[in-house]
């Protein structure tokens, strides 16, 4: 079985965060390294998705696919009233 190449990354983290990593590692019966890899992978996935959604939104703006601010404000103001407005499109 072939293993993927790895690289050691060192980071200084606040002591309370390091203690939480240790607690998770103990509770999950995993290594600190495994916990950090999982957290880093999840954060990178989240940031990549945020970037994708931002680019998609900017493409919509460039193409003129936007909703008027006043329409959104009127809709938001109507929430919680007896007759909320439909979601603006």
PDB file of N, CA and C in Angstrom:
ATOM      1  N   UNK A   1       0.844  -1.182   0.000  1.00  0.00           N
ATOM      2  CA  UNK A   1       0.000   0.000   0.000  1.00  0.00           C
ATOM      3  C   UNK A   1       0.883   1.236   0.000  1.00  0.00           C
ATOM      4  N   UNK A   2       0.641   2.130  -0.933  1.00  0.00           N
ATOM      5  CA  UNK A   2       1.459   3.323  -1.069  1.00  0.00           C
ATOM      6  C   UNK A   2       0.837   4.471  -0.272  1.00  0.00           C
ATOM      7  N   UNK A   3       1.675   5.219   0.459  1.00  0.00           N
ATOM      8  CA  UNK A   3       1.208   6.345   1.257  1.00  0.00           C
ATOM      9  C   UNK A   3       1.451   7.645   0.508  1.00  0.00           C
ATOM     10  N   UNK A   4       0.545   8.594   0.699  1.00  0.00           N
ATOM     11  CA  UNK A   4       0.712   9.914   0.086  1.00  0.00           C
ATOM     12  C   UNK A   4       1.871  10.627   0.762  1.00  0.00           C
ATOM     13  N   UNK A   5       2.548  11.437  -0.006  1.00  0.00           N
ATOM     14  CA  UNK A   5       3.648  12.220   0.549  1.00  0.00           C
ATOM     15  C   UNK A   5       3.076  13.199   1.569  1.00  0.00           C
ATOM     16  N   UNK A   6       3.831  13.473   2.601  1.00  0.00           N
ATOM     17  CA  UNK A   6       3.384  14.396   3.641  1.00  0.00           C
ATOM     18  C   UNK A   6       4.450  15.442   3.898  1.00  0.00           C
ATOM     19  N   UNK A   7       4.038  16.485   4.589  1.00  0.00           N
ATOM     20  CA  UNK A   7       4.949  17.558   4.971  1.00  0.00           C
ATOM     21  C   UNK A   7       4.576  17.987   6.376  1.00  0.00           C
ATOM     22  N   UNK A   8       5.549  18.161   7.215  1.00  0.00           N
ATOM     23  CA  UNK A   8       5.315  18.603   8.581  1.00  0.00           C
ATOM     24  C   UNK A   8       5.142  20.116   8.576  1.00  0.00           C
ATOM     25  N   UNK A   9       4.062  20.572   9.204  1.00  0.00           N
ATOM     26  CA  UNK A   9       3.801  22.000   9.362  1.00  0.00           C
ATOM     27  C   UNK A   9       3.741  22.291  10.853  1.00  0.00           C
ATOM     28  N   UNK A  10       4.491  23.264  11.281  1.00  0.00           N
ATOM     29  CA  UNK A  10       4.512  23.631  12.689  1.00  0.00           C
ATOM     30  C   UNK A  10       3.753  24.926  12.886  1.00  0.00           C
ATOM     31  N   UNK A  11       2.942  24.963  13.921  1.00  0.00           N
ATOM     32  CA  UNK A  11       2.181  26.177  14.222  1.00  0.00           C
ATOM     33  C   UNK A  11       2.110  26.364  15.726  1.00  0.00           C
ATOM     34  N   UNK A  12       2.268  27.589  16.149  1.00  0.00           N
ATOM     35  CA  UNK A  12       2.062  27.915  17.554  1.00  0.00           C
ATOM     36  C   UNK A  12       0.587  28.203  17.747  1.00  0.00           C
ATOM     37  N   UNK A  13      -0.048  27.497  18.684  1.00  0.00           N
ATOM     38  CA  UNK A  13      -1.465  27.713  18.969  1.00  0.00           C
ATOM     39  C   UNK A  13      -1.612  28.085  20.438  1.00  0.00           C
ATOM     40  N   UNK A  14      -2.629  28.864  20.752  1.00  0.00           N
ATOM     41  CA  UNK A  14      -2.846  29.219  22.152  1.00  0.00           C
ATOM     42  C   UNK A  14      -3.041  27.958  22.997  1.00  0.00           C
ATOM     43  N   UNK A  15      -2.568  28.002  24.201  1.00  0.00           N
ATOM     44  CA  UNK A  15      -2.622  26.850  25.100  1.00  0.00           C
ATOM     45  C   UNK A  15      -4.044  26.300  25.254  1.00  0.00           C
ATOM     46  N   UNK A  16      -5.072  27.144  25.428  1.00  0.00           N
ATOM     47  CA  UNK A  16      -6.426  26.576  25.553  1.00  0.00           C
ATOM     48  C   UNK A  16      -6.853  25.771  24.316  1.00  0.00           C
ATOM     49  N   UNK A  17      -6.452  26.222  23.134  1.00  0.00           N
ATOM     50  CA  UNK A  17      -6.781  25.490  21.912  1.00  0.00           C
ATOM     51  C   UNK A  17      -6.038  24.160  21.868  1.00  0.00           C
ATOM     52  N   UNK A  18      -4.773  24.179  22.235  1.00  0.00           N
ATOM     53  CA  UNK A  18      -3.980  22.946  22.269  1.00  0.00           C
ATOM     54  C   UNK A  18      -4.580  21.949  23.264  1.00  0.00           C
ATOM     55  N   UNK A  19      -5.065  22.452  24.381  1.00  0.00           N
ATOM     56  CA  UNK A  19      -5.681  21.566  25.375  1.00  0.00           C
ATOM     57  C   UNK A  19      -6.970  20.947  24.826  1.00  0.00           C
ATOM     58  N   UNK A  20      -7.729  21.724  24.054  1.00  0.00           N
ATOM     59  CA  UNK A  20      -8.940  21.168  23.441  1.00  0.00           C
ATOM     60  C   UNK A  20      -8.604  20.086  22.429  1.00  0.00           C
ATOM     61  N   UNK A  21      -7.528  20.304  21.675  1.00  0.00           N
ATOM     62  CA  UNK A  21      -7.085  19.277  20.719  1.00  0.00           C
ATOM     63  C   UNK A  21      -6.717  18.010  21.475  1.00  0.00           C
ATOM     64  N   UNK A  22      -5.977  18.157  22.562  1.00  0.00           N
ATOM     65  CA  UNK A  22      -5.592  16.993  23.374  1.00  0.00           C
ATOM     66  C   UNK A  22      -6.826  16.274  23.923  1.00  0.00           C
ATOM     67  N   UNK A  23      -7.818  17.036  24.388  1.00  0.00           N
ATOM     68  CA  UNK A  23      -9.035  16.422  24.932  1.00  0.00           C
ATOM     69  C   UNK A  23      -9.785  15.648  23.849  1.00  0.00           C
ATOM     70  N   UNK A  24      -9.885  16.254  22.655  1.00  0.00           N
ATOM     71  CA  UNK A  24     -10.546  15.556  21.548  1.00  0.00           C
ATOM     72  C   UNK A  24      -9.790  14.292  21.155  1.00  0.00           C
ATOM     73  N   UNK A  25      -8.492  14.404  21.103  1.00  0.00           N
ATOM     74  CA  UNK A  25      -7.674  13.243  20.729  1.00  0.00           C
ATOM     75  C   UNK A  25      -7.896  12.099  21.715  1.00  0.00           C
ATOM     76  N   UNK A  26      -7.934  12.431  22.987  1.00  0.00           N
ATOM     77  CA  UNK A  26      -8.166  11.410  24.009  1.00  0.00           C
ATOM     78  C   UNK A  26      -9.555  10.813  23.875  1.00  0.00           C
ATOM     79  N   UNK A  27     -10.566  11.682  23.752  1.00  0.00           N
ATOM     80  CA  UNK A  27     -11.947  11.219  23.674  1.00  0.00           C
ATOM     81  C   UNK A  27     -12.193  10.360  22.435  1.00  0.00           C
ATOM     82  N   UNK A  28     -11.607  10.760  21.300  1.00  0.00           N
ATOM     83  CA  UNK A  28     -11.811  10.025  20.049  1.00  0.00           C
ATOM     84  C   UNK A  28     -10.804   8.905  19.835  1.00  0.00           C
ATOM     85  N   UNK A  29      -9.854   8.805  20.753  1.00  0.00           N
ATOM     86  CA  UNK A  29      -8.782   7.805  20.643  1.00  0.00           C
ATOM     87  C   UNK A  29      -8.055   7.936  19.317  1.00  0.00           C
ATOM     88  N   UNK A  30      -7.703   9.172  19.000  1.00  0.00           N
ATOM     89  CA  UNK A  30      -6.949   9.503  17.792  1.00  0.00           C
ATOM     90  C   UNK A  30      -5.738  10.329  18.193  1.00  0.00           C
ATOM     91  N   UNK A  31      -4.819  10.485  17.269  1.00  0.00           N
ATOM     92  CA  UNK A  31      -3.634  11.296  17.555  1.00  0.00           C
ATOM     93  C   UNK A  31      -3.961  12.774  17.396  1.00  0.00           C
ATOM     94  N   UNK A  32      -3.119  13.610  17.996  1.00  0.00           N
ATOM     95  CA  UNK A  32      -3.263  15.052  17.809  1.00  0.00           C
ATOM     96  C   UNK A  32      -3.153  15.403  16.326  1.00  0.00           C
ATOM     97  N   UNK A  33      -2.223  14.758  15.653  1.00  0.00           N
ATOM     98  CA  UNK A  33      -2.027  15.013  14.236  1.00  0.00           C
ATOM     99  C   UNK A  33      -3.280  14.722  13.426  1.00  0.00           C
ATOM    100  N   UNK A  34      -3.978  13.636  13.761  1.00  0.00           N
ATOM    101  CA  UNK A  34      -5.209  13.285  13.057  1.00  0.00           C
ATOM    102  C   UNK A  34      -6.263  14.366  13.264  1.00  0.00           C
ATOM    103  N   UNK A  35      -6.398  14.833  14.506  1.00  0.00           N
ATOM    104  CA  UNK A  35      -7.373  15.885  14.834  1.00  0.00           C
ATOM    105  C   UNK A  35      -7.054  17.149  14.034  1.00  0.00           C
ATOM    106  N   UNK A  36      -5.798  17.540  14.018  1.00  0.00           N
ATOM    107  CA  UNK A  36      -5.396  18.760  13.317  1.00  0.00           C
ATOM    108  C   UNK A  36      -5.626  18.602  11.814  1.00  0.00           C
ATOM    109  N   UNK A  37      -5.300  17.440  11.248  1.00  0.00           N
ATOM    110  CA  UNK A  37      -5.531  17.218   9.812  1.00  0.00           C
ATOM    111  C   UNK A  37      -7.008  17.319   9.472  1.00  0.00           C
ATOM    112  N   UNK A  38      -7.867  16.736  10.306  1.00  0.00           N
ATOM    113  CA  UNK A  38      -9.311  16.806  10.065  1.00  0.00           C
ATOM    114  C   UNK A  38      -9.797  18.251  10.110  1.00  0.00           C
ATOM    115  N   UNK A  39      -9.352  18.993  11.119  1.00  0.00           N
ATOM    116  CA  UNK A  39      -9.783  20.386  11.279  1.00  0.00           C
ATOM    117  C   UNK A  39      -9.282  21.240  10.115  1.00  0.00           C
ATOM    118  N   UNK A  40      -8.042  21.061   9.730  1.00  0.00           N
ATOM    119  CA  UNK A  40      -7.470  21.846   8.641  1.00  0.00           C
ATOM    120  C   UNK A  40      -8.159  21.525   7.313  1.00  0.00           C
ATOM    121  N   UNK A  41      -8.424  20.262   7.063  1.00  0.00           N
ATOM    122  CA  UNK A  41      -9.102  19.874   5.829  1.00  0.00           C
ATOM    123  C   UNK A  41     -10.512  20.472   5.785  1.00  0.00           C
ATOM    124  N   UNK A  42     -11.222  20.433   6.905  1.00  0.00           N
ATOM    125  CA  UNK A  42     -12.580  20.996   6.952  1.00  0.00           C
ATOM    126  C   UNK A  42     -12.542  22.500   6.727  1.00  0.00           C
ATOM    127  N   UNK A  43     -11.586  23.185   7.330  1.00  0.00           N
ATOM    128  CA  UNK A  43     -11.488  24.634   7.174  1.00  0.00           C
ATOM    129  C   UNK A  43     -11.156  24.998   5.720  1.00  0.00           C
ATOM    130  N   UNK A  44     -10.241  24.264   5.123  1.00  0.00           N
ATOM    131  CA  UNK A  44      -9.875  24.538   3.725  1.00  0.00           C
ATOM    132  C   UNK A  44     -11.079  24.294   2.814  1.00  0.00           C
ATOM    133  N   UNK A  45     -11.820  23.207   3.041  1.00  0.00           N
ATOM    134  CA  UNK A  45     -13.030  22.950   2.252  1.00  0.00           C
ATOM    135  C   UNK A  45     -14.016  24.108   2.386  1.00  0.00           C
ATOM    136  N   UNK A  46     -14.188  24.597   3.601  1.00  0.00           N
ATOM    137  CA  UNK A  46     -15.114  25.706   3.860  1.00  0.00           C
ATOM    138  C   UNK A  46     -14.661  26.966   3.132  1.00  0.00           C
ATOM    139  N   UNK A  47     -13.388  27.267   3.186  1.00  0.00           N
ATOM    140  CA  UNK A  47     -12.873  28.467   2.518  1.00  0.00           C
ATOM    141  C   UNK A  47     -12.954  28.346   1.000  1.00  0.00           C
ATOM    142  N   UNK A  48     -12.711  27.157   0.469  1.00  0.00           N
ATOM    143  CA  UNK A  48     -12.840  26.960  -0.973  1.00  0.00           C
ATOM    144  C   UNK A  48     -14.290  27.137  -1.411  1.00  0.00           C
ATOM    145  N   UNK A  49     -15.230  26.639  -0.603  1.00  0.00           N
ATOM    146  CA  UNK A  49     -16.646  26.810  -0.921  1.00  0.00           C
ATOM    147  C   UNK A  49     -17.048  28.278  -0.827  1.00  0.00           C
ATOM    148  N   UNK A  50     -16.552  28.978   0.187  1.00  0.00           N
ATOM    149  CA  UNK A  50     -16.841  30.406   0.319  1.00  0.00           C
ATOM    150  C   UNK A  50     -16.318  31.172  -0.900  1.00  0.00           C
ATOM    151  N   UNK A  51     -15.128  30.827  -1.352  1.00  0.00           N
ATOM    152  CA  UNK A  51     -14.546  31.474  -2.523  1.00  0.00           C
ATOM    153  C   UNK A  51     -15.374  31.186  -3.771  1.00  0.00           C
ATOM    154  N   UNK A  52     -15.805  29.936  -3.939  1.00  0.00           N
ATOM    155  CA  UNK A  52     -16.621  29.560  -5.091  1.00  0.00           C
ATOM    156  C   UNK A  52     -17.936  30.332  -5.091  1.00  0.00           C
ATOM    157  N   UNK A  53     -18.584  30.400  -3.935  1.00  0.00           N
ATOM    158  CA  UNK A  53     -19.857  31.109  -3.841  1.00  0.00           C
ATOM    159  C   UNK A  53     -19.685  32.606  -4.095  1.00  0.00           C
ATOM    160  N   UNK A  54     -18.570  33.160  -3.644  1.00  0.00           N
ATOM    161  CA  UNK A  54     -18.303  34.580  -3.884  1.00  0.00           C
ATOM    162  C   UNK A  54     -18.126  34.839  -5.376  1.00  0.00           C
ATOM    163  N   UNK A  55     -17.342  33.991  -6.047  1.00  0.00           N
ATOM    164  CA  UNK A  55     -17.155  34.154  -7.491  1.00  0.00           C
ATOM    165  C   UNK A  55     -18.484  34.015  -8.233  1.00  0.00           C
ATOM    166  N   UNK A  56     -19.297  33.048  -7.809  1.00  0.00           N
ATOM    167  CA  UNK A  56     -20.609  32.842  -8.418  1.00  0.00           C
ATOM    168  C   UNK A  56     -21.497  34.076  -8.218  1.00  0.00           C
ATOM    169  N   UNK A  57     -21.479  34.632  -7.024  1.00  0.00           N
ATOM    170  CA  UNK A  57     -22.281  35.828  -6.744  1.00  0.00           C
ATOM    171  C   UNK A  57     -21.803  37.009  -7.573  1.00  0.00           C
ATOM    172  N   UNK A  58     -20.496  37.166  -7.695  1.00  0.00           N
ATOM    173  CA  UNK A  58     -19.970  38.269  -8.495  1.00  0.00           C
ATOM    174  C   UNK A  58     -20.316  38.101  -9.973  1.00  0.00           C
ATOM    175  N   UNK A  59     -20.324  36.854 -10.452  1.00  0.00           N
ATOM    176  CA  UNK A  59     -20.758  36.598 -11.822  1.00  0.00           C
ATOM    177  C   UNK A  59     -22.221  37.006 -12.004  1.00  0.00           C
ATOM    178  N   UNK A  60     -23.062  36.709 -11.004  1.00  0.00           N
ATOM    179  CA  UNK A  60     -24.465  37.122 -11.064  1.00  0.00           C
ATOM    180  C   UNK A  60     -24.582  38.640 -11.126  1.00  0.00           C
ATOM    181  N   UNK A  61     -23.796  39.346 -10.326  1.00  0.00           N
ATOM    182  CA  UNK A  61     -23.826  40.808 -10.336  1.00  0.00           C
ATOM    183  C   UNK A  61     -23.407  41.321 -11.705  1.00  0.00           C
ATOM    184  N   UNK A  62     -22.310  40.772 -12.225  1.00  0.00           N
ATOM    185  CA  UNK A  62     -21.834  41.198 -13.549  1.00  0.00           C
ATOM    186  C   UNK A  62     -22.889  40.970 -14.633  1.00  0.00           C
ATOM    187  N   UNK A  63     -23.689  39.911 -14.472  1.00  0.00           N
ATOM    188  CA  UNK A  63     -24.708  39.584 -15.469  1.00  0.00           C
ATOM    189  C   UNK A  63     -26.029  40.319 -15.198  1.00  0.00           C
ATOM    190  N   UNK A  64     -26.058  41.113 -14.134  1.00  0.00           N
ATOM    191  CA  UNK A  64     -27.268  41.867 -13.824  1.00  0.00           C
ATOM    192  C   UNK A  64     -28.335  41.077 -13.095  1.00  0.00           C
ATOM    193  N   UNK A  65     -27.965  39.898 -12.608  1.00  0.00           N
ATOM    194  CA  UNK A  65     -28.926  39.080 -11.860  1.00  0.00           C
ATOM    195  C   UNK A  65     -28.858  39.480 -10.389  1.00  0.00           C
ATOM    196  N   UNK A  66     -29.552  40.568 -10.072  1.00  0.00           N
ATOM    197  CA  UNK A  66     -29.538  41.097  -8.700  1.00  0.00           C
ATOM    198  C   UNK A  66     -30.972  41.399  -8.278  1.00  0.00           C
ATOM    199  N   UNK A  67     -31.163  41.561  -6.993  1.00  0.00           N
ATOM    200  CA  UNK A  67     -32.466  41.939  -6.435  1.00  0.00           C
ATOM    201  C   UNK A  67     -32.313  43.323  -5.837  1.00  0.00           C
ATOM    202  N   UNK A  68     -33.242  44.190  -6.129  1.00  0.00           N
ATOM    203  CA  UNK A  68     -33.223  45.565  -5.651  1.00  0.00           C
ATOM    204  C   UNK A  68     -33.173  45.603  -4.120  1.00  0.00           C
ATOM    205  N   UNK A  69     -32.301  46.427  -3.594  1.00  0.00           N
ATOM    206  CA  UNK A  69     -32.129  46.537  -2.148  1.00  0.00           C
ATOM    207  C   UNK A  69     -33.427  46.931  -1.460  1.00  0.00           C
ATOM    208  N   UNK A  70     -34.165  47.853  -2.041  1.00  0.00           N
ATOM    209  CA  UNK A  70     -35.411  48.306  -1.423  1.00  0.00           C
ATOM    210  C   UNK A  70     -36.437  47.171  -1.341  1.00  0.00           C
ATOM    211  N   UNK A  71     -36.442  46.300  -2.341  1.00  0.00           N
ATOM    212  CA  UNK A  71     -37.357  45.158  -2.318  1.00  0.00           C
ATOM    213  C   UNK A  71     -36.981  44.193  -1.198  1.00  0.00           C
ATOM    214  N   UNK A  72     -35.683  43.970  -1.024  1.00  0.00           N
ATOM    215  CA  UNK A  72     -35.213  43.086   0.047  1.00  0.00           C
ATOM    216  C   UNK A  72     -35.537  43.709   1.404  1.00  0.00           C
ATOM    217  N   UNK A  73     -35.316  45.013   1.540  1.00  0.00           N
ATOM    218  CA  UNK A  73     -35.583  45.694   2.807  1.00  0.00           C
ATOM    219  C   UNK A  73     -37.066  45.633   3.150  1.00  0.00           C
ATOM    220  N   UNK A  74     -37.928  45.855   2.163  1.00  0.00           N
ATOM    221  CA  UNK A  74     -39.371  45.789   2.398  1.00  0.00           C
ATOM    222  C   UNK A  74     -39.775  44.381   2.826  1.00  0.00           C
ATOM    223  N   UNK A  75     -39.201  43.368   2.189  1.00  0.00           N
ATOM    224  CA  UNK A  75     -39.490  41.981   2.552  1.00  0.00           C
ATOM    225  C   UNK A  75     -39.034  41.707   3.982  1.00  0.00           C
ATOM    226  N   UNK A  76     -37.800  42.114   4.319  1.00  0.00           N
ATOM    227  CA  UNK A  76     -37.272  41.881   5.666  1.00  0.00           C
ATOM    228  C   UNK A  76     -38.132  42.597   6.708  1.00  0.00           C
ATOM    229  N   UNK A  77     -38.541  43.810   6.405  1.00  0.00           N
ATOM    230  CA  UNK A  77     -39.371  44.565   7.343  1.00  0.00           C
ATOM    231  C   UNK A  77     -40.734  43.902   7.553  1.00  0.00           C
ATOM    232  N   UNK A  78     -41.189  43.153   6.550  1.00  0.00           N
ATOM    233  CA  UNK A  78     -42.506  42.523   6.653  1.00  0.00           C
ATOM    234  C   UNK A  78     -42.486  41.225   7.454  1.00  0.00           C
ATOM    235  N   UNK A  79     -41.309  40.674   7.661  1.00  0.00           N
ATOM    236  CA  UNK A  79     -41.217  39.417   8.406  1.00  0.00           C
ATOM    237  C   UNK A  79     -41.683  39.650   9.839  1.00  0.00           C
ATOM    238  N   UNK A  80     -42.418  38.725  10.382  1.00  0.00           N
ATOM    239  CA  UNK A  80     -42.927  38.855  11.734  1.00  0.00           C
ATOM    240  C   UNK A  80     -44.207  39.685  11.816  1.00  0.00           C
ATOM    241  N   UNK A  81     -44.698  40.146  10.681  1.00  0.00           N
ATOM    242  CA  UNK A  81     -45.960  40.878  10.646  1.00  0.00           C
ATOM    243  C   UNK A  81     -47.066  39.894  10.261  1.00  0.00           C
ATOM    244  N   UNK A  82     -48.319  40.307  10.418  1.00  0.00           N
ATOM    245  CA  UNK A  82     -49.410  39.395  10.040  1.00  0.00           C
ATOM    246  C   UNK A  82     -49.431  39.049   8.547  1.00  0.00           C
ATOM    247  N   UNK A  83     -48.880  39.923   7.702  1.00  0.00           N
ATOM    248  CA  UNK A  83     -48.895  39.686   6.253  1.00  0.00           C
ATOM    249  C   UNK A  83     -47.501  39.868   5.647  1.00  0.00           C
ATOM    250  N   UNK A  84     -46.607  38.893   5.890  1.00  0.00           N
ATOM    251  CA  UNK A  84     -45.260  39.043   5.314  1.00  0.00           C
ATOM    252  C   UNK A  84     -45.301  38.981   3.784  1.00  0.00           C
ATOM    253  N   UNK A  85     -44.421  39.770   3.181  1.00  0.00           N
ATOM    254  CA  UNK A  85     -44.319  39.789   1.727  1.00  0.00           C
ATOM    255  C   UNK A  85     -43.638  38.514   1.226  1.00  0.00           C
ATOM    256  N   UNK A  86     -43.921  38.120  -0.029  1.00  0.00           N
ATOM    257  CA  UNK A  86     -43.181  36.978  -0.595  1.00  0.00           C
ATOM    258  C   UNK A  86     -41.709  37.336  -0.785  1.00  0.00           C
ATOM    259  N   UNK A  87     -40.879  36.322  -0.812  1.00  0.00           N
ATOM    260  CA  UNK A  87     -39.450  36.526  -1.007  1.00  0.00           C
ATOM    261  C   UNK A  87     -39.234  37.209  -2.357  1.00  0.00           C
ATOM    262  N   UNK A  88     -38.480  38.315  -2.384  1.00  0.00           N
ATOM    263  CA  UNK A  88     -38.250  39.002  -3.662  1.00  0.00           C
ATOM    264  C   UNK A  88     -37.430  38.135  -4.609  1.00  0.00           C
ATOM    265  N   UNK A  89     -37.726  38.236  -5.883  1.00  0.00           N
ATOM    266  CA  UNK A  89     -37.004  37.443  -6.897  1.00  0.00           C
ATOM    267  C   UNK A  89     -36.370  38.355  -7.910  1.00  0.00           C
TER     268      UNK A  89
END
